[in-house]
Amino acid sequence: MSENGVNQALRRLGYENGEMTAHGFRAMAATLLNEMGRWNPDAIEHQLAHQEASSVRRAYARGEYWDERVAMMQHWSDYLDGLRDAAEAPRPAKAAYRNSKAGKSRAGRPRGRPRR
């Protein structure tokens, strides 16, 4: 999946350009995983597929931190599920939003999310 594909999906969901991007998800994950203090920073970098500076190390270090990365991604998934479950009002489904009056502009095209 390309970064542009994710960005296009975000726009269809109603997120504005300056509000969220595919790279923004990566930056948010890196920040929060590092702030949790329970994961090796090298494991986080490997999970985000950040390239190793040394070409020799890059060629041979493909499976480093595998067990920790699996545990980290399960923890991340549980963390995101917790945020979703604690949310007061989830975003409306795309189809429901598009069919509502709030989701249509005068021209009948979906509008972006209102600016805060």
C-alpha atoms as a PDB file:
ATOM      1  CA  MET A   1       0.000   0.000   0.000  1.00  0.00           C
ATOM      2  CA  SER A   2       1.506   3.311  -1.027  1.00  0.00           C
ATOM      3  CA  GLU A   3       1.665   6.437   1.097  1.00  0.00           C
ATOM      4  CA  ASN A   4      -0.443   8.251  -1.520  1.00  0.00           C
ATOM      5  CA  GLY A   5      -3.086   5.511  -1.324  1.00  0.00           C
ATOM      6  CA  VAL A   6      -3.354   5.960   2.440  1.00  0.00           C
ATOM      7  CA  ASN A   7      -3.455   9.749   2.059  1.00  0.00           C
ATOM      8  CA  GLN A   8      -6.253   9.465  -0.523  1.00  0.00           C
ATOM      9  CA  ALA A   9      -8.220   7.197   1.821  1.00  0.00           C
ATOM     10  CA  LEU A  10      -7.800   9.752   4.620  1.00  0.00           C
ATOM     11  CA  ARG A  11      -9.161  12.508   2.349  1.00  0.00           C
ATOM     12  CA  ARG A  12     -12.183  10.325   1.461  1.00  0.00           C
ATOM     13  CA  LEU A  13     -12.773   9.851   5.189  1.00  0.00           C
ATOM     14  CA  GLY A  14     -12.912  13.632   5.549  1.00  0.00           C
ATOM     15  CA  TYR A  15      -9.470  14.425   6.974  1.00  0.00           C
ATOM     16  CA  GLU A  16      -7.905  17.612   5.610  1.00  0.00           C
ATOM     17  CA  ASN A  17      -4.335  17.732   4.217  1.00  0.00           C
ATOM     18  CA  GLY A  18      -2.923  19.445   7.309  1.00  0.00           C
ATOM     19  CA  GLU A  19      -4.891  17.291   9.726  1.00  0.00           C
ATOM     20  CA  MET A  20      -3.494  13.765   9.130  1.00  0.00           C
ATOM     21  CA  THR A  21      -1.197  12.003   6.693  1.00  0.00           C
ATOM     22  CA  ALA A  22       0.146   8.484   6.270  1.00  0.00           C
ATOM     23  CA  HIS A  23       3.524   9.647   7.547  1.00  0.00           C
ATOM     24  CA  GLY A  24       1.731  11.252  10.487  1.00  0.00           C
ATOM     25  CA  PHE A  25       0.623   7.796  11.630  1.00  0.00           C
ATOM     26  CA  ARG A  26       4.236   6.597  11.538  1.00  0.00           C
ATOM     27  CA  ALA A  27       5.477   9.640  13.454  1.00  0.00           C
ATOM     28  CA  MET A  28       2.703   9.245  16.026  1.00  0.00           C
ATOM     29  CA  ALA A  29       3.488   5.547  16.481  1.00  0.00           C
ATOM     30  CA  ALA A  30       7.229   6.214  16.855  1.00  0.00           C
ATOM     31  CA  THR A  31       6.592   8.946  19.417  1.00  0.00           C
ATOM     32  CA  LEU A  32       4.073   7.026  21.509  1.00  0.00           C
ATOM     33  CA  LEU A  33       5.954   3.713  21.415  1.00  0.00           C
ATOM     34  CA  ASN A  34       9.142   5.465  22.543  1.00  0.00           C
ATOM     35  CA  GLU A  35       7.264   7.342  25.285  1.00  0.00           C
ATOM     36  CA  MET A  36       5.827   4.084  26.627  1.00  0.00           C
ATOM     37  CA  GLY A  37       9.364   3.245  27.734  1.00  0.00           C
ATOM     38  CA  ARG A  38       8.924  -0.496  27.379  1.00  0.00           C
ATOM     39  CA  TRP A  39      10.311  -1.070  23.889  1.00  0.00           C
ATOM     40  CA  ASN A  40      13.873  -1.058  22.621  1.00  0.00           C
ATOM     41  CA  PRO A  41      14.272   2.022  20.376  1.00  0.00           C
ATOM     42  CA  ASP A  42      16.067  -0.161  17.809  1.00  0.00           C
ATOM     43  CA  ALA A  43      13.056  -2.515  17.712  1.00  0.00           C
ATOM     44  CA  ILE A  44      10.788   0.482  17.061  1.00  0.00           C
ATOM     45  CA  GLU A  45      13.036   1.679  14.229  1.00  0.00           C
ATOM     46  CA  HIS A  46      13.091  -1.795  12.689  1.00  0.00           C
ATOM     47  CA  GLN A  47       9.304  -2.031  12.932  1.00  0.00           C
ATOM     48  CA  LEU A  48       8.946   1.293  11.132  1.00  0.00           C
ATOM     49  CA  ALA A  49      11.328  -0.035   8.448  1.00  0.00           C
ATOM     50  CA  HIS A  50      13.806   2.764   8.991  1.00  0.00           C
ATOM     51  CA  GLN A  51      16.981   1.873   7.155  1.00  0.00           C
ATOM     52  CA  GLU A  52      20.111   0.889   8.993  1.00  0.00           C
ATOM     53  CA  ALA A  53      23.003   3.234   8.167  1.00  0.00           C
ATOM     54  CA  SER A  54      25.469   0.398   7.585  1.00  0.00           C
ATOM     55  CA  SER A  55      24.815  -1.491   4.340  1.00  0.00           C
ATOM     56  CA  VAL A  56      26.490  -4.625   5.776  1.00  0.00           C
ATOM     57  CA  ARG A  57      24.350  -4.534   8.926  1.00  0.00           C
ATOM     58  CA  ARG A  58      21.260  -3.803   6.795  1.00  0.00           C
ATOM     59  CA  ALA A  59      21.941  -6.889   4.662  1.00  0.00           C
ATOM     60  CA  TYR A  60      22.211  -9.267   7.608  1.00  0.00           C
ATOM     61  CA  ALA A  61      20.002  -7.789  10.347  1.00  0.00           C
ATOM     62  CA  ARG A  62      16.567  -8.507   8.876  1.00  0.00           C
ATOM     63  CA  GLY A  63      15.065 -10.470  11.757  1.00  0.00           C
ATOM     64  CA  GLU A  64      16.393  -8.481  14.664  1.00  0.00           C
ATOM     65  CA  TYR A  65      14.032  -7.946  17.583  1.00  0.00           C
ATOM     66  CA  TRP A  66      11.360 -10.137  15.962  1.00  0.00           C
ATOM     67  CA  ASP A  67       9.800 -11.397  19.227  1.00  0.00           C
ATOM     68  CA  GLU A  68       9.804  -7.904  20.728  1.00  0.00           C
ATOM     69  CA  ARG A  69       8.326  -6.424  17.554  1.00  0.00           C
ATOM     70  CA  VAL A  70       5.479  -8.974  17.572  1.00  0.00           C
ATOM     71  CA  ALA A  71       4.732  -8.167  21.237  1.00  0.00           C
ATOM     72  CA  MET A  72       5.014  -4.432  20.512  1.00  0.00           C
ATOM     73  CA  MET A  73       2.513  -4.607  17.640  1.00  0.00           C
ATOM     74  CA  GLN A  74       0.051  -6.584  19.770  1.00  0.00           C
ATOM     75  CA  HIS A  75       0.405  -3.980  22.511  1.00  0.00           C
ATOM     76  CA  TRP A  76      -0.027  -1.173  19.936  1.00  0.00           C
ATOM     77  CA  SER A  77      -3.164  -2.844  18.580  1.00  0.00           C
ATOM     78  CA  ASP A  78      -4.582  -3.200  22.103  1.00  0.00           C
ATOM     79  CA  TYR A  79      -3.696   0.441  22.821  1.00  0.00           C
ATOM     80  CA  LEU A  80      -5.516   1.651  19.690  1.00  0.00           C
ATOM     81  CA  ASP A  81      -8.529  -0.551  20.500  1.00  0.00           C
ATOM     82  CA  GLY A  82      -8.634   1.050  23.956  1.00  0.00           C
ATOM     83  CA  LEU A  83      -8.603   4.538  22.454  1.00  0.00           C
ATOM     84  CA  ARG A  84     -11.396   3.577  20.069  1.00  0.00           C
ATOM     85  CA  ASP A  85     -13.487   2.038  22.826  1.00  0.00           C
ATOM     86  CA  ALA A  86     -13.030   5.100  25.070  1.00  0.00           C
ATOM     87  CA  ALA A  87     -14.000   7.585  22.345  1.00  0.00           C
ATOM     88  CA  GLU A  88     -17.217   9.461  23.069  1.00  0.00           C
ATOM     89  CA  ALA A  89     -18.407   9.732  19.478  1.00  0.00           C
ATOM     90  CA  PRO A  90     -16.785   7.718  16.708  1.00  0.00           C
ATOM     91  CA  ARG A  91     -16.566   9.187  13.226  1.00  0.00           C
ATOM     92  CA  PRO A  92     -19.632   8.326  11.145  1.00  0.00           C
ATOM     93  CA  ALA A  93     -19.215   5.627   8.548  1.00  0.00           C
ATOM     94  CA  LYS A  94     -18.304   7.015   5.132  1.00  0.00           C
ATOM     95  CA  ALA A  95     -21.567   5.918   3.479  1.00  0.00           C
ATOM     96  CA  ALA A  96     -23.706   7.273   6.307  1.00  0.00           C
ATOM     97  CA  TYR A  97     -21.795  10.567   6.317  1.00  0.00           C
ATOM     98  CA  ARG A  98     -22.053  10.994   2.547  1.00  0.00           C
ATOM     99  CA  ASN A  99     -25.796  10.352   2.610  1.00  0.00           C
ATOM    100  CA  SER A 100     -26.462  12.818   5.441  1.00  0.00           C
ATOM    101  CA  LYS A 101     -27.111  16.531   4.931  1.00  0.00           C
ATOM    102  CA  ALA A 102     -23.965  17.285   6.964  1.00  0.00           C
ATOM    103  CA  GLY A 103     -21.896  15.239   4.530  1.00  0.00           C
ATOM    104  CA  LYS A 104     -23.052  17.060   1.384  1.00  0.00           C
ATOM    105  CA  SER A 105     -22.092  20.443   0.051  1.00  0.00           C
ATOM    106  CA  ARG A 106     -24.498  22.454  -2.064  1.00  0.00           C
ATOM    107  CA  ALA A 107     -23.059  20.739  -5.133  1.00  0.00           C
ATOM    108  CA  GLY A 108     -23.840  17.340  -3.591  1.00  0.00           C
ATOM    109  CA  ARG A 109     -20.181  16.402  -3.103  1.00  0.00           C
ATOM    110  CA  PRO A 110     -18.828  15.198   0.270  1.00  0.00           C
ATOM    111  CA  ARG A 111     -17.315  17.918   2.389  1.00  0.00           C
ATOM    112  CA  GLY A 112     -14.161  17.654   4.491  1.00  0.00           C
ATOM    113  CA  ARG A 113     -14.256  17.694   8.252  1.00  0.00           C
ATOM    114  CA  PRO A 114     -14.915  21.096   9.760  1.00  0.00           C
ATOM    115  CA  ARG A 115     -11.831  22.939  10.921  1.00  0.00           C
ATOM    116  CA  ARG A 116     -11.386  23.337  14.670  1.00  0.00           C
END
